[in-house]
PDB file of N, CA and C in Angstrom:
ATOM      1  N   MET A   1     111.646 114.088 121.155  1.00  0.00           N
ATOM      2  CA  MET A   1     112.606 114.332 120.101  1.00  0.00           C
ATOM      3  C   MET A   1     112.477 115.790 119.669  1.00  0.00           C
ATOM      4  N   ILE A   2     113.628 116.467 119.599  1.00  0.00           N
ATOM      5  CA  ILE A   2     113.605 117.884 119.239  1.00  0.00           C
ATOM      6  C   ILE A   2     114.227 118.153 117.871  1.00  0.00           C
ATOM      7  N   SER A   3     114.779 117.120 117.236  1.00  0.00           N
ATOM      8  CA  SER A   3     115.305 117.228 115.875  1.00  0.00           C
ATOM      9  C   SER A   3     115.540 115.839 115.299  1.00  0.00           C
ATOM     10  N   ARG A   4     115.395 115.740 113.983  1.00  0.00           N
ATOM     11  CA  ARG A   4     115.797 114.530 113.249  1.00  0.00           C
ATOM     12  C   ARG A   4     116.898 114.895 112.259  1.00  0.00           C
ATOM     13  N   SER A   5     117.518 116.067 112.457  1.00  0.00           N
ATOM     14  CA  SER A   5     118.571 116.527 111.539  1.00  0.00           C
ATOM     15  C   SER A   5     119.906 116.720 112.249  1.00  0.00           C
ATOM     16  N   CYS A   6     120.083 116.083 113.395  1.00  0.00           N
ATOM     17  CA  CYS A   6     121.266 116.305 114.222  1.00  0.00           C
ATOM     18  C   CYS A   6     122.482 115.551 113.685  1.00  0.00           C
ATOM     19  N   THR A   7     123.576 116.282 113.485  1.00  0.00           N
ATOM     20  CA  THR A   7     124.846 115.676 113.114  1.00  0.00           C
ATOM     21  C   THR A   7     125.847 115.923 114.239  1.00  0.00           C
ATOM     22  N   THR A   8     126.995 115.274 114.126  1.00  0.00           N
ATOM     23  CA  THR A   8     128.021 115.413 115.162  1.00  0.00           C
ATOM     24  C   THR A   8     129.163 116.318 114.715  1.00  0.00           C
ATOM     25  N   GLY A   9     128.924 117.113 113.690  1.00  0.00           N
ATOM     26  CA  GLY A   9     129.927 118.048 113.190  1.00  0.00           C
ATOM     27  C   GLY A   9     129.807 118.194 111.686  1.00  0.00           C
ATOM     28  N   TRP A  10     130.589 119.101 111.126  1.00  0.00           N
ATOM     29  CA  TRP A  10     130.498 119.400 109.698  1.00  0.00           C
ATOM     30  C   TRP A  10     130.952 118.241 108.823  1.00  0.00           C
ATOM     31  N   ALA A  11     131.739 117.317 109.335  1.00  0.00           N
ATOM     32  CA  ALA A  11     132.193 116.166 108.542  1.00  0.00           C
ATOM     33  C   ALA A  11     131.196 115.002 108.587  1.00  0.00           C
ATOM     34  N   ASP A  12     130.179 115.109 109.413  1.00  0.00           N
ATOM     35  CA  ASP A  12     129.166 114.056 109.567  1.00  0.00           C
ATOM     36  C   ASP A  12     127.909 114.495 108.823  1.00  0.00           C
ATOM     37  N   TRP A  13     127.639 113.885 107.671  1.00  0.00           N
ATOM     38  CA  TRP A  13     126.512 114.303 106.844  1.00  0.00           C
ATOM     39  C   TRP A  13     125.275 113.442 107.039  1.00  0.00           C
ATOM     40  N   ILE A  14     125.341 112.459 107.901  1.00  0.00           N
ATOM     41  CA  ILE A  14     124.181 111.612 108.166  1.00  0.00           C
ATOM     42  C   ILE A  14     123.459 112.142 109.402  1.00  0.00           C
ATOM     43  N   HIS A  15     122.194 112.464 109.227  1.00  0.00           N
ATOM     44  CA  HIS A  15     121.389 113.018 110.317  1.00  0.00           C
ATOM     45  C   HIS A  15     121.097 111.973 111.384  1.00  0.00           C
ATOM     46  N   GLY A  16     120.720 112.481 112.533  1.00  0.00           N
ATOM     47  CA  GLY A  16     120.297 111.625 113.627  1.00  0.00           C
ATOM     48  C   GLY A  16     119.194 112.302 114.417  1.00  0.00           C
ATOM     49  N   GLU A  17     118.558 111.525 115.251  1.00  0.00           N
ATOM     50  CA  GLU A  17     117.541 112.071 116.159  1.00  0.00           C
ATOM     51  C   GLU A  17     118.248 112.731 117.334  1.00  0.00           C
ATOM     52  N   LEU A  18     117.710 113.843 117.810  1.00  0.00           N
ATOM     53  CA  LEU A  18     118.208 114.472 119.025  1.00  0.00           C
ATOM     54  C   LEU A  18     117.082 114.457 120.046  1.00  0.00           C
ATOM     55  N   TRP A  19     117.335 113.727 121.135  1.00  0.00           N
ATOM     56  CA  TRP A  19     116.350 113.566 122.199  1.00  0.00           C
ATOM     57  C   TRP A  19     116.803 114.345 123.423  1.00  0.00           C
ATOM     58  N   LEU A  20     115.871 115.015 124.078  1.00  0.00           N
ATOM     59  CA  LEU A  20     116.115 115.690 125.349  1.00  0.00           C
ATOM     60  C   LEU A  20     115.408 114.885 126.427  1.00  0.00           C
ATOM     61  N   SER A  21     116.199 114.322 127.335  1.00  0.00           N
ATOM     62  CA  SER A  21     115.617 113.586 128.456  1.00  0.00           C
ATOM     63  C   SER A  21     115.857 114.409 129.727  1.00  0.00           C
ATOM     64  N   PRO A  22     115.274 114.027 130.834  1.00  0.00           N
ATOM     65  CA  PRO A  22     115.499 114.766 132.078  1.00  0.00           C
ATOM     66  C   PRO A  22     116.957 114.746 132.554  1.00  0.00           C
ATOM     67  N   THR A  23     117.754 113.771 132.069  1.00  0.00           N
ATOM     68  CA  THR A  23     119.122 113.635 132.565  1.00  0.00           C
ATOM     69  C   THR A  23     120.201 113.772 131.502  1.00  0.00           C
ATOM     70  N   ALA A  24     119.813 113.803 130.222  1.00  0.00           N
ATOM     71  CA  ALA A  24     120.831 113.776 129.163  1.00  0.00           C
ATOM     72  C   ALA A  24     120.274 114.239 127.823  1.00  0.00           C
ATOM     73  N   LEU A  25     121.201 114.544 126.930  1.00  0.00           N
ATOM     74  CA  LEU A  25     120.900 114.692 125.508  1.00  0.00           C
ATOM     75  C   LEU A  25     121.335 113.401 124.836  1.00  0.00           C
ATOM     76  N   VAL A  26     120.525 112.888 123.931  1.00  0.00           N
ATOM     77  CA  VAL A  26     120.822 111.636 123.254  1.00  0.00           C
ATOM     78  C   VAL A  26     120.734 111.867 121.751  1.00  0.00           C
ATOM     79  N   ARG A  27     121.789 111.510 121.043  1.00  0.00           N
ATOM     80  CA  ARG A  27     121.818 111.599 119.583  1.00  0.00           C
ATOM     81  C   ARG A  27     121.888 110.182 119.034  1.00  0.00           C
ATOM     82  N   ARG A  28     120.895 109.822 118.183  1.00  0.00           N
ATOM     83  CA  ARG A  28     120.839 108.485 117.569  1.00  0.00           C
ATOM     84  C   ARG A  28     120.858 108.638 116.057  1.00  0.00           C
ATOM     85  N   ARG A  29     121.819 108.025 115.412  1.00  0.00           N
ATOM     86  CA  ARG A  29     122.021 108.125 113.972  1.00  0.00           C
ATOM     87  C   ARG A  29     120.852 107.525 113.193  1.00  0.00           C
ATOM     88  N   LEU A  30     120.494 108.200 112.096  1.00  0.00           N
ATOM     89  CA  LEU A  30     119.495 107.711 111.158  1.00  0.00           C
ATOM     90  C   LEU A  30     120.197 107.171 109.916  1.00  0.00           C
ATOM     91  N   SER A  31     119.435 106.800 108.914  1.00  0.00           N
ATOM     92  CA  SER A  31     119.997 106.297 107.666  1.00  0.00           C
ATOM     93  C   SER A  31     120.262 107.440 106.687  1.00  0.00           C
ATOM     94  N   PHE A  32     121.006 107.145 105.643  1.00  0.00           N
ATOM     95  CA  PHE A  32     121.260 108.120 104.587  1.00  0.00           C
ATOM     96  C   PHE A  32     119.944 108.574 103.944  1.00  0.00           C
ATOM     97  N   ASN A  33     119.045 107.620 103.692  1.00  0.00           N
ATOM     98  CA  ASN A  33     117.760 107.971 103.083  1.00  0.00           C
ATOM     99  C   ASN A  33     116.920 108.864 103.990  1.00  0.00           C
ATOM    100  N   ALA A  34     116.950 108.616 105.283  1.00  0.00           N
ATOM    101  CA  ALA A  34     116.219 109.475 106.220  1.00  0.00           C
ATOM    102  C   ALA A  34     116.824 110.876 106.227  1.00  0.00           C
ATOM    103  N   SER A  35     118.142 110.965 106.119  1.00  0.00           N
ATOM    104  CA  SER A  35     118.807 112.274 106.056  1.00  0.00           C
ATOM    105  C   SER A  35     118.351 113.043 104.828  1.00  0.00           C
ATOM    106  N   ARG A  36     118.328 112.386 103.699  1.00  0.00           N
ATOM    107  CA  ARG A  36     117.893 113.033 102.456  1.00  0.00           C
ATOM    108  C   ARG A  36     116.443 113.476 102.537  1.00  0.00           C
ATOM    109  N   ALA A  37     115.603 112.679 103.185  1.00  0.00           N
ATOM    110  CA  ALA A  37     114.180 113.003 103.306  1.00  0.00           C
ATOM    111  C   ALA A  37     113.944 114.252 104.150  1.00  0.00           C
ATOM    112  N   ASN A  38     114.880 114.576 105.054  1.00  0.00           N
ATOM    113  CA  ASN A  38     114.727 115.764 105.902  1.00  0.00           C
ATOM    114  C   ASN A  38     114.806 117.057 105.101  1.00  0.00           C
ATOM    115  N   GLY A  39     115.513 117.028 103.972  1.00  0.00           N
ATOM    116  CA  GLY A  39     115.668 118.251 103.181  1.00  0.00           C
ATOM    117  C   GLY A  39     116.265 119.361 104.027  1.00  0.00           C
ATOM    118  N   TYR A  40     115.617 120.510 103.997  1.00  0.00           N
ATOM    119  CA  TYR A  40     116.079 121.654 104.785  1.00  0.00           C
ATOM    120  C   TYR A  40     115.229 121.870 106.033  1.00  0.00           C
ATOM    121  N   GLY A  41     114.414 120.893 106.374  1.00  0.00           N
ATOM    122  CA  GLY A  41     113.640 120.933 107.602  1.00  0.00           C
ATOM    123  C   GLY A  41     112.341 121.710 107.436  1.00  0.00           C
ATOM    124  N   PRO A  42     111.557 121.791 108.469  1.00  0.00           N
ATOM    125  CA  PRO A  42     111.807 121.168 109.771  1.00  0.00           C
ATOM    126  C   PRO A  42     111.681 119.644 109.694  1.00  0.00           C
ATOM    127  N   SER A  43     112.423 118.988 110.544  1.00  0.00           N
ATOM    128  CA  SER A  43     112.447 117.533 110.517  1.00  0.00           C
ATOM    129  C   SER A  43     111.538 116.905 111.571  1.00  0.00           C
ATOM    130  N   VAL A  44     110.972 117.702 112.452  1.00  0.00           N
ATOM    131  CA  VAL A  44     109.991 117.240 113.443  1.00  0.00           C
ATOM    132  C   VAL A  44     108.838 118.242 113.452  1.00  0.00           C
ATOM    133  N   SER A  45     107.676 117.780 113.878  1.00  0.00           N
ATOM    134  CA  SER A  45     106.522 118.668 113.947  1.00  0.00           C
ATOM    135  C   SER A  45     105.775 118.443 115.253  1.00  0.00           C
ATOM    136  N   ASP A  46     104.894 119.380 115.582  1.00  0.00           N
ATOM    137  CA  ASP A  46     104.074 119.257 116.797  1.00  0.00           C
ATOM    138  C   ASP A  46     102.968 118.239 116.574  1.00  0.00           C
ATOM    139  N   PRO A  47     102.677 117.432 117.551  1.00  0.00           N
ATOM    140  CA  PRO A  47     103.378 117.307 118.821  1.00  0.00           C
ATOM    141  C   PRO A  47     104.699 116.562 118.612  1.00  0.00           C
ATOM    142  N   LEU A  48     105.703 116.961 119.386  1.00  0.00           N
ATOM    143  CA  LEU A  48     107.018 116.328 119.280  1.00  0.00           C
ATOM    144  C   LEU A  48     106.930 114.866 119.723  1.00  0.00           C
ATOM    145  N   PRO A  49     107.638 113.967 119.038  1.00  0.00           N
ATOM    146  CA  PRO A  49     107.636 112.553 119.417  1.00  0.00           C
ATOM    147  C   PRO A  49     108.200 112.340 120.826  1.00  0.00           C
ATOM    148  N   VAL A  50     107.654 111.358 121.510  1.00  0.00           N
ATOM    149  CA  VAL A  50     108.069 110.995 122.865  1.00  0.00           C
ATOM    150  C   VAL A  50     108.306 109.488 122.882  1.00  0.00           C
ATOM    151  N   VAL A  51     109.318 109.046 123.609  1.00  0.00           N
ATOM    152  CA  VAL A  51     109.579 107.613 123.774  1.00  0.00           C
ATOM    153  C   VAL A  51     109.783 107.301 125.253  1.00  0.00           C
ATOM    154  N   PRO A  52     109.574 106.062 125.652  1.00  0.00           N
ATOM    155  CA  PRO A  52     109.890 105.669 127.026  1.00  0.00           C
ATOM    156  C   PRO A  52     111.396 105.805 127.281  1.00  0.00           C
ATOM    157  N   ALA A  53     111.761 106.145 128.487  1.00  0.00           N
ATOM    158  CA  ALA A  53     113.172 106.331 128.844  1.00  0.00           C
ATOM    159  C   ALA A  53     114.007 105.096 128.535  1.00  0.00           C
ATOM    160  N   ALA A  54     113.432 103.917 128.626  1.00  0.00           N
ATOM    161  CA  ALA A  54     114.174 102.675 128.350  1.00  0.00           C
ATOM    162  C   ALA A  54     114.667 102.630 126.906  1.00  0.00           C
ATOM    163  N   ASP A  55     113.977 103.309 125.992  1.00  0.00           N
ATOM    164  CA  ASP A  55     114.406 103.334 124.596  1.00  0.00           C
ATOM    165  C   ASP A  55     115.672 104.164 124.396  1.00  0.00           C
ATOM    166  N   LEU A  56     116.039 104.966 125.384  1.00  0.00           N
ATOM    167  CA  LEU A  56     117.237 105.805 125.309  1.00  0.00           C
ATOM    168  C   LEU A  56     118.342 105.275 126.221  1.00  0.00           C
ATOM    169  N   ASP A  57     118.341 103.972 126.434  1.00  0.00           N
ATOM    170  CA  ASP A  57     119.343 103.319 127.284  1.00  0.00           C
ATOM    171  C   ASP A  57     120.749 103.621 126.776  1.00  0.00           C
ATOM    172  N   ARG A  58     121.587 104.159 127.647  1.00  0.00           N
ATOM    173  CA  ARG A  58     122.940 104.598 127.286  1.00  0.00           C
ATOM    174  C   ARG A  58     123.745 103.516 126.568  1.00  0.00           C
ATOM    175  N   GLY A  59     123.838 102.355 127.148  1.00  0.00           N
ATOM    176  CA  GLY A  59     124.633 101.281 126.564  1.00  0.00           C
ATOM    177  C   GLY A  59     124.140 100.868 125.194  1.00  0.00           C
ATOM    178  N   ARG A  60     122.831 100.725 125.063  1.00  0.00           N
ATOM    179  CA  ARG A  60     122.261 100.307 123.785  1.00  0.00           C
ATOM    180  C   ARG A  60     122.452 101.379 122.717  1.00  0.00           C
ATOM    181  N   VAL A  61     122.196 102.642 123.068  1.00  0.00           N
ATOM    182  CA  VAL A  61     122.356 103.741 122.107  1.00  0.00           C
ATOM    183  C   VAL A  61     123.798 103.820 121.625  1.00  0.00           C
ATOM    184  N   LEU A  62     124.752 103.774 122.542  1.00  0.00           N
ATOM    185  CA  LEU A  62     126.164 103.880 122.162  1.00  0.00           C
ATOM    186  C   LEU A  62     126.637 102.683 121.349  1.00  0.00           C
ATOM    187  N   ALA A  63     126.071 101.510 121.587  1.00  0.00           N
ATOM    188  CA  ALA A  63     126.457 100.318 120.842  1.00  0.00           C
ATOM    189  C   ALA A  63     125.894 100.313 119.419  1.00  0.00           C
ATOM    190  N   GLU A  64     124.819 101.059 119.177  1.00  0.00           N
ATOM    191  CA  GLU A  64     124.175 101.061 117.861  1.00  0.00           C
ATOM    192  C   GLU A  64     125.057 101.660 116.771  1.00  0.00           C
ATOM    193  N   HIS A  65     125.805 102.715 117.065  1.00  0.00           N
ATOM    194  CA  HIS A  65     126.655 103.343 116.053  1.00  0.00           C
ATOM    195  C   HIS A  65     127.686 104.229 116.741  1.00  0.00           C
ATOM    196  N   ARG A  66     128.879 104.332 116.141  1.00  0.00           N
ATOM    197  CA  ARG A  66     129.976 105.095 116.753  1.00  0.00           C
ATOM    198  C   ARG A  66     129.696 106.588 116.839  1.00  0.00           C
ATOM    199  N   THR A  67     128.769 107.129 116.019  1.00  0.00           N
ATOM    200  CA  THR A  67     128.469 108.566 116.090  1.00  0.00           C
ATOM    201  C   THR A  67     127.305 108.880 117.025  1.00  0.00           C
ATOM    202  N   ASN A  68     126.730 107.860 117.648  1.00  0.00           N
ATOM    203  CA  ASN A  68     125.682 108.108 118.638  1.00  0.00           C
ATOM    204  C   ASN A  68     126.302 108.706 119.894  1.00  0.00           C
ATOM    205  N   LYS A  69     125.534 109.513 120.589  1.00  0.00           N
ATOM    206  CA  LYS A  69     126.030 110.191 121.796  1.00  0.00           C
ATOM    207  C   LYS A  69     124.982 110.126 122.902  1.00  0.00           C
ATOM    208  N   VAL A  70     125.456 110.004 124.120  1.00  0.00           N
ATOM    209  CA  VAL A  70     124.641 110.208 125.315  1.00  0.00           C
ATOM    210  C   VAL A  70     125.428 111.175 126.178  1.00  0.00           C
ATOM    211  N   ILE A  71     124.932 112.400 126.277  1.00  0.00           N
ATOM    212  CA  ILE A  71     125.627 113.460 127.000  1.00  0.00           C
ATOM    213  C   ILE A  71     124.865 113.728 128.291  1.00  0.00           C
ATOM    214  N   ALA A  72     125.349 113.106 129.373  1.00  0.00           N
ATOM    215  CA  ALA A  72     124.700 113.240 130.675  1.00  0.00           C
ATOM    216  C   ALA A  72     124.956 114.634 131.242  1.00  0.00           C
ATOM    217  N   PHE A  73     123.896 115.308 131.667  1.00  0.00           N
ATOM    218  CA  PHE A  73     124.023 116.677 132.184  1.00  0.00           C
ATOM    219  C   PHE A  73     124.972 116.760 133.380  1.00  0.00           C
ATOM    220  N   GLY A  74     124.982 115.745 134.218  1.00  0.00           N
ATOM    221  CA  GLY A  74     125.846 115.739 135.389  1.00  0.00           C
ATOM    222  C   GLY A  74     127.325 115.678 135.063  1.00  0.00           C
ATOM    223  N   ASP A  75     127.669 115.244 133.843  1.00  0.00           N
ATOM    224  CA  ASP A  75     129.062 115.119 133.427  1.00  0.00           C
ATOM    225  C   ASP A  75     129.548 116.277 132.563  1.00  0.00           C
ATOM    226  N   VAL A  76     128.676 117.259 132.323  1.00  0.00           N
ATOM    227  CA  VAL A  76     129.036 118.395 131.471  1.00  0.00           C
ATOM    228  C   VAL A  76     129.819 119.420 132.278  1.00  0.00           C
ATOM    229  N   GLY A  77     131.003 119.788 131.767  1.00  0.00           N
ATOM    230  CA  GLY A  77     131.793 120.847 132.391  1.00  0.00           C
ATOM    231  C   GLY A  77     131.350 122.213 131.920  1.00  0.00           C
ATOM    232  N   SER A  78     131.131 122.343 130.598  1.00  0.00           N
ATOM    233  CA  SER A  78     130.625 123.591 130.024  1.00  0.00           C
ATOM    234  C   SER A  78     129.948 123.283 128.705  1.00  0.00           C
ATOM    235  N   ALA A  79     129.037 124.167 128.329  1.00  0.00           N
ATOM    236  CA  ALA A  79     128.318 124.004 127.073  1.00  0.00           C
ATOM    237  C   ALA A  79     128.043 125.378 126.483  1.00  0.00           C
ATOM    238  N   THR A  80     128.109 125.462 125.160  1.00  0.00           N
ATOM    239  CA  THR A  80     127.806 126.703 124.454  1.00  0.00           C
ATOM    240  C   THR A  80     126.765 126.408 123.389  1.00  0.00           C
ATOM    241  N   LEU A  81     125.625 127.059 123.498  1.00  0.00           N
ATOM    242  CA  LEU A  81     124.550 126.936 122.526  1.00  0.00           C
ATOM    243  C   LEU A  81     124.688 128.101 121.556  1.00  0.00           C
ATOM    244  N   PHE A  82     124.692 127.810 120.253  1.00  0.00           N
ATOM    245  CA  PHE A  82     124.934 128.885 119.292  1.00  0.00           C
ATOM    246  C   PHE A  82     124.002 128.789 118.091  1.00  0.00           C
ATOM    247  N   ARG A  83     123.826 129.948 117.432  1.00  0.00           N
ATOM    248  CA  ARG A  83     123.022 130.051 116.216  1.00  0.00           C
ATOM    249  C   ARG A  83     123.948 130.206 115.019  1.00  0.00           C
ATOM    250  N   GLY A  84     123.557 129.628 113.890  1.00  0.00           N
ATOM    251  CA  GLY A  84     124.291 129.789 112.645  1.00  0.00           C
ATOM    252  C   GLY A  84     123.329 130.112 111.519  1.00  0.00           C
ATOM    253  N   ARG A  85     123.862 130.284 110.336  1.00  0.00           N
ATOM    254  CA  ARG A  85     123.016 130.618 109.181  1.00  0.00           C
ATOM    255  C   ARG A  85     122.210 129.420 108.693  1.00  0.00           C
ATOM    256  N   THR A  86     122.845 128.271 108.587  1.00  0.00           N
ATOM    257  CA  THR A  86     122.157 127.074 108.098  1.00  0.00           C
ATOM    258  C   THR A  86     121.931 126.033 109.189  1.00  0.00           C
ATOM    259  N   ALA A  87     122.707 126.121 110.262  1.00  0.00           N
ATOM    260  CA  ALA A  87     122.582 125.165 111.363  1.00  0.00           C
ATOM    261  C   ALA A  87     122.824 125.874 112.687  1.00  0.00           C
ATOM    262  N   HIS A  88     122.060 125.460 113.682  1.00  0.00           N
ATOM    263  CA  HIS A  88     122.319 125.871 115.061  1.00  0.00           C
ATOM    264  C   HIS A  88     123.055 124.703 115.715  1.00  0.00           C
ATOM    265  N   GLY A  89     123.651 124.963 116.882  1.00  0.00           N
ATOM    266  CA  GLY A  89     124.379 123.863 117.484  1.00  0.00           C
ATOM    267  C   GLY A  89     124.699 124.038 118.947  1.00  0.00           C
ATOM    268  N   LEU A  90     125.358 123.026 119.460  1.00  0.00           N
ATOM    269  CA  LEU A  90     125.774 122.965 120.855  1.00  0.00           C
ATOM    270  C   LEU A  90     127.172 122.377 120.905  1.00  0.00           C
ATOM    271  N   LYS A  91     128.087 123.094 121.547  1.00  0.00           N
ATOM    272  CA  LYS A  91     129.421 122.577 121.825  1.00  0.00           C
ATOM    273  C   LYS A  91     129.468 122.240 123.308  1.00  0.00           C
ATOM    274  N   VAL A  92     129.972 121.054 123.614  1.00  0.00           N
ATOM    275  CA  VAL A  92     129.998 120.574 124.997  1.00  0.00           C
ATOM    276  C   VAL A  92     131.405 120.108 125.339  1.00  0.00           C
ATOM    277  N   VAL A  93     131.874 120.504 126.516  1.00  0.00           N
ATOM    278  CA  VAL A  93     133.121 119.983 127.077  1.00  0.00           C
ATOM    279  C   VAL A  93     132.740 119.259 128.366  1.00  0.00           C
ATOM    280  N   MET A  94     133.071 117.975 128.410  1.00  0.00           N
ATOM    281  CA  MET A  94     132.740 117.167 129.578  1.00  0.00           C
ATOM    282  C   MET A  94     133.769 117.425 130.690  1.00  0.00           C
ATOM    283  N   VAL A  95     133.435 117.085 131.927  1.00  0.00           N
ATOM    284  CA  VAL A  95     134.348 117.322 133.039  1.00  0.00           C
ATOM    285  C   VAL A  95     135.676 116.595 132.847  1.00  0.00           C
ATOM    286  N   GLY A  96     135.692 115.506 132.113  1.00  0.00           N
ATOM    287  CA  GLY A  96     136.923 114.765 131.844  1.00  0.00           C
ATOM    288  C   GLY A  96     137.697 115.281 130.645  1.00  0.00           C
ATOM    289  N   GLY A  97     137.179 116.332 129.978  1.00  0.00           N
ATOM    290  CA  GLY A  97     137.870 116.925 128.847  1.00  0.00           C
ATOM    291  C   GLY A  97     137.363 116.507 127.477  1.00  0.00           C
ATOM    292  N   GLU A  98     136.561 115.459 127.396  1.00  0.00           N
ATOM    293  CA  GLU A  98     136.007 115.023 126.103  1.00  0.00           C
ATOM    294  C   GLU A  98     135.113 116.125 125.536  1.00  0.00           C
ATOM    295  N   ARG A  99     135.168 116.303 124.206  1.00  0.00           N
ATOM    296  CA  ARG A  99     134.392 117.354 123.537  1.00  0.00           C
ATOM    297  C   ARG A  99     133.373 116.744 122.588  1.00  0.00           C
ATOM    298  N   HIS A 100     132.205 117.392 122.520  1.00  0.00           N
ATOM    299  CA  HIS A 100     131.140 116.974 121.616  1.00  0.00           C
ATOM    300  C   HIS A 100     130.614 118.207 120.899  1.00  0.00           C
ATOM    301  N   LYS A 101     130.202 118.003 119.646  1.00  0.00           N
ATOM    302  CA  LYS A 101     129.512 119.045 118.897  1.00  0.00           C
ATOM    303  C   LYS A 101     128.269 118.428 118.297  1.00  0.00           C
ATOM    304  N   LEU A 102     127.152 119.119 118.447  1.00  0.00           N
ATOM    305  CA  LEU A 102     125.901 118.712 117.838  1.00  0.00           C
ATOM    306  C   LEU A 102     125.400 119.867 116.982  1.00  0.00           C
ATOM    307  N   LEU A 103     124.983 119.574 115.757  1.00  0.00           N
ATOM    308  CA  LEU A 103     124.431 120.571 114.843  1.00  0.00           C
ATOM    309  C   LEU A 103     123.072 120.090 114.353  1.00  0.00           C
ATOM    310  N   TRP A 104     122.153 121.032 114.086  1.00  0.00           N
ATOM    311  CA  TRP A 104     120.846 120.676 113.556  1.00  0.00           C
ATOM    312  C   TRP A 104     120.345 121.810 112.678  1.00  0.00           C
ATOM    313  N   LEU A 105     119.403 121.500 111.788  1.00  0.00           N
ATOM    314  CA  LEU A 105     118.855 122.490 110.881  1.00  0.00           C
ATOM    315  C   LEU A 105     118.161 123.626 111.635  1.00  0.00           C
ATOM    316  N   VAL A 106     118.293 124.842 111.120  1.00  0.00           N
ATOM    317  CA  VAL A 106     117.730 126.008 111.808  1.00  0.00           C
ATOM    318  C   VAL A 106     116.205 125.960 111.904  1.00  0.00           C
ATOM    319  N   ARG A 107     115.557 125.224 111.027  1.00  0.00           N
ATOM    320  CA  ARG A 107     114.087 125.161 111.055  1.00  0.00           C
ATOM    321  C   ARG A 107     113.542 124.209 112.111  1.00  0.00           C
ATOM    322  N   ASP A 108     114.418 123.436 112.752  1.00  0.00           N
ATOM    323  CA  ASP A 108     113.977 122.557 113.830  1.00  0.00           C
ATOM    324  C   ASP A 108     113.838 123.351 115.127  1.00  0.00           C
ATOM    325  N   PRO A 109     112.982 122.891 116.058  1.00  0.00           N
ATOM    326  CA  PRO A 109     112.752 123.624 117.304  1.00  0.00           C
ATOM    327  C   PRO A 109     113.826 123.422 118.376  1.00  0.00           C
ATOM    328  N   ALA A 110     114.901 122.695 118.068  1.00  0.00           N
ATOM    329  CA  ALA A 110     115.888 122.321 119.088  1.00  0.00           C
ATOM    330  C   ALA A 110     116.497 123.528 119.797  1.00  0.00           C
ATOM    331  N   PHE A 111     116.852 124.599 119.061  1.00  0.00           N
ATOM    332  CA  PHE A 111     117.484 125.748 119.706  1.00  0.00           C
ATOM    333  C   PHE A 111     116.546 126.372 120.745  1.00  0.00           C
ATOM    334  N   ALA A 112     115.307 126.607 120.360  1.00  0.00           N
ATOM    335  CA  ALA A 112     114.347 127.215 121.286  1.00  0.00           C
ATOM    336  C   ALA A 112     114.126 126.333 122.515  1.00  0.00           C
ATOM    337  N   ILE A 113     114.006 125.042 122.291  1.00  0.00           N
ATOM    338  CA  ILE A 113     113.772 124.126 123.410  1.00  0.00           C
ATOM    339  C   ILE A 113     114.997 124.068 124.327  1.00  0.00           C
ATOM    340  N   LEU A 114     116.187 123.922 123.741  1.00  0.00           N
ATOM    341  CA  LEU A 114     117.401 123.830 124.564  1.00  0.00           C
ATOM    342  C   LEU A 114     117.725 125.137 125.267  1.00  0.00           C
ATOM    343  N   SER A 115     117.411 126.281 124.658  1.00  0.00           N
ATOM    344  CA  SER A 115     117.708 127.553 125.318  1.00  0.00           C
ATOM    345  C   SER A 115     116.875 127.724 126.583  1.00  0.00           C
ATOM    346  N   GLY A 116     115.742 127.037 126.664  1.00  0.00           N
ATOM    347  CA  GLY A 116     114.953 127.036 127.886  1.00  0.00           C
ATOM    348  C   GLY A 116     115.345 125.932 128.851  1.00  0.00           C
ATOM    349  N   ALA A 117     115.700 124.764 128.323  1.00  0.00           N
ATOM    350  CA  ALA A 117     115.969 123.596 129.176  1.00  0.00           C
ATOM    351  C   ALA A 117     117.378 123.558 129.745  1.00  0.00           C
ATOM    352  N   LEU A 118     118.378 123.951 128.962  1.00  0.00           N
ATOM    353  CA  LEU A 118     119.766 123.805 129.427  1.00  0.00           C
ATOM    354  C   LEU A 118     120.108 124.668 130.640  1.00  0.00           C
ATOM    355  N   PRO A 119     119.647 125.916 130.724  1.00  0.00           N
ATOM    356  CA  PRO A 119     119.964 126.671 131.945  1.00  0.00           C
ATOM    357  C   PRO A 119     119.418 125.997 133.212  1.00  0.00           C
ATOM    358  N   ALA A 120     118.255 125.367 133.113  1.00  0.00           N
ATOM    359  CA  ALA A 120     117.691 124.667 134.269  1.00  0.00           C
ATOM    360  C   ALA A 120     118.531 123.449 134.638  1.00  0.00           C
ATOM    361  N   GLN A 121     119.118 122.768 133.637  1.00  0.00           N
ATOM    362  CA  GLN A 121     119.917 121.573 133.880  1.00  0.00           C
ATOM    363  C   GLN A 121     121.370 121.886 134.219  1.00  0.00           C
ATOM    364  N   LEU A 122     121.931 122.923 133.570  1.00  0.00           N
ATOM    365  CA  LEU A 122     123.367 123.171 133.679  1.00  0.00           C
ATOM    366  C   LEU A 122     123.728 124.439 134.441  1.00  0.00           C
ATOM    367  N   GLY A 123     122.769 125.312 134.692  1.00  0.00           N
ATOM    368  CA  GLY A 123     123.051 126.554 135.411  1.00  0.00           C
ATOM    369  C   GLY A 123     124.104 127.383 134.708  1.00  0.00           C
ATOM    370  N   SER A 124     125.123 127.809 135.443  1.00  0.00           N
ATOM    371  CA  SER A 124     126.169 128.673 134.884  1.00  0.00           C
ATOM    372  C   SER A 124     127.130 127.932 133.942  1.00  0.00           C
ATOM    373  N   ARG A 125     126.974 126.622 133.810  1.00  0.00           N
ATOM    374  CA  ARG A 125     127.842 125.855 132.902  1.00  0.00           C
ATOM    375  C   ARG A 125     127.444 126.015 131.440  1.00  0.00           C
ATOM    376  N   VAL A 126     126.321 126.685 131.160  1.00  0.00           N
ATOM    377  CA  VAL A 126     125.887 126.885 129.774  1.00  0.00           C
ATOM    378  C   VAL A 126     125.987 128.363 129.429  1.00  0.00           C
ATOM    379  N   SER A 127     126.444 128.634 128.191  1.00  0.00           N
ATOM    380  CA  SER A 127     126.502 130.012 127.690  1.00  0.00           C
ATOM    381  C   SER A 127     125.866 130.029 126.304  1.00  0.00           C
ATOM    382  N   PHE A 128     125.590 131.233 125.835  1.00  0.00           N
ATOM    383  CA  PHE A 128     124.936 131.423 124.545  1.00  0.00           C
ATOM    384  C   PHE A 128     125.806 132.308 123.677  1.00  0.00           C
ATOM    385  N   ARG A 129     125.902 131.968 122.403  1.00  0.00           N
ATOM    386  CA  ARG A 129     126.674 132.770 121.472  1.00  0.00           C
ATOM    387  C   ARG A 129     125.842 133.023 120.256  1.00  0.00           C
TER     388      ARG A 129
END
């Protein structure tokens, strides 16, 4: 887990976990109380939490809540990793045209981790802004 402050855009105020797996990014929604407890971050600490791959099962994660996401690297057409003042984020366009946005608190390690991992997974399909 690289963040517990991940939202799916500025209109989504409930945080979620952001997991980096070898094949996908997974966003799992948390509760309102967990969101409030995150404050301004950081929402994860070293050592970063790890779960078995079975816990990130695509069907189960997507069925848990409508704002959950499983973004398979093989299906990504392009991605832009960006920095902001209060939140960093990732914009993704899938090969089929579907768009995703993930945002997380700047104090979480997600930007640093993804800036190293995404080029290895996506090659020229990822850019930085």
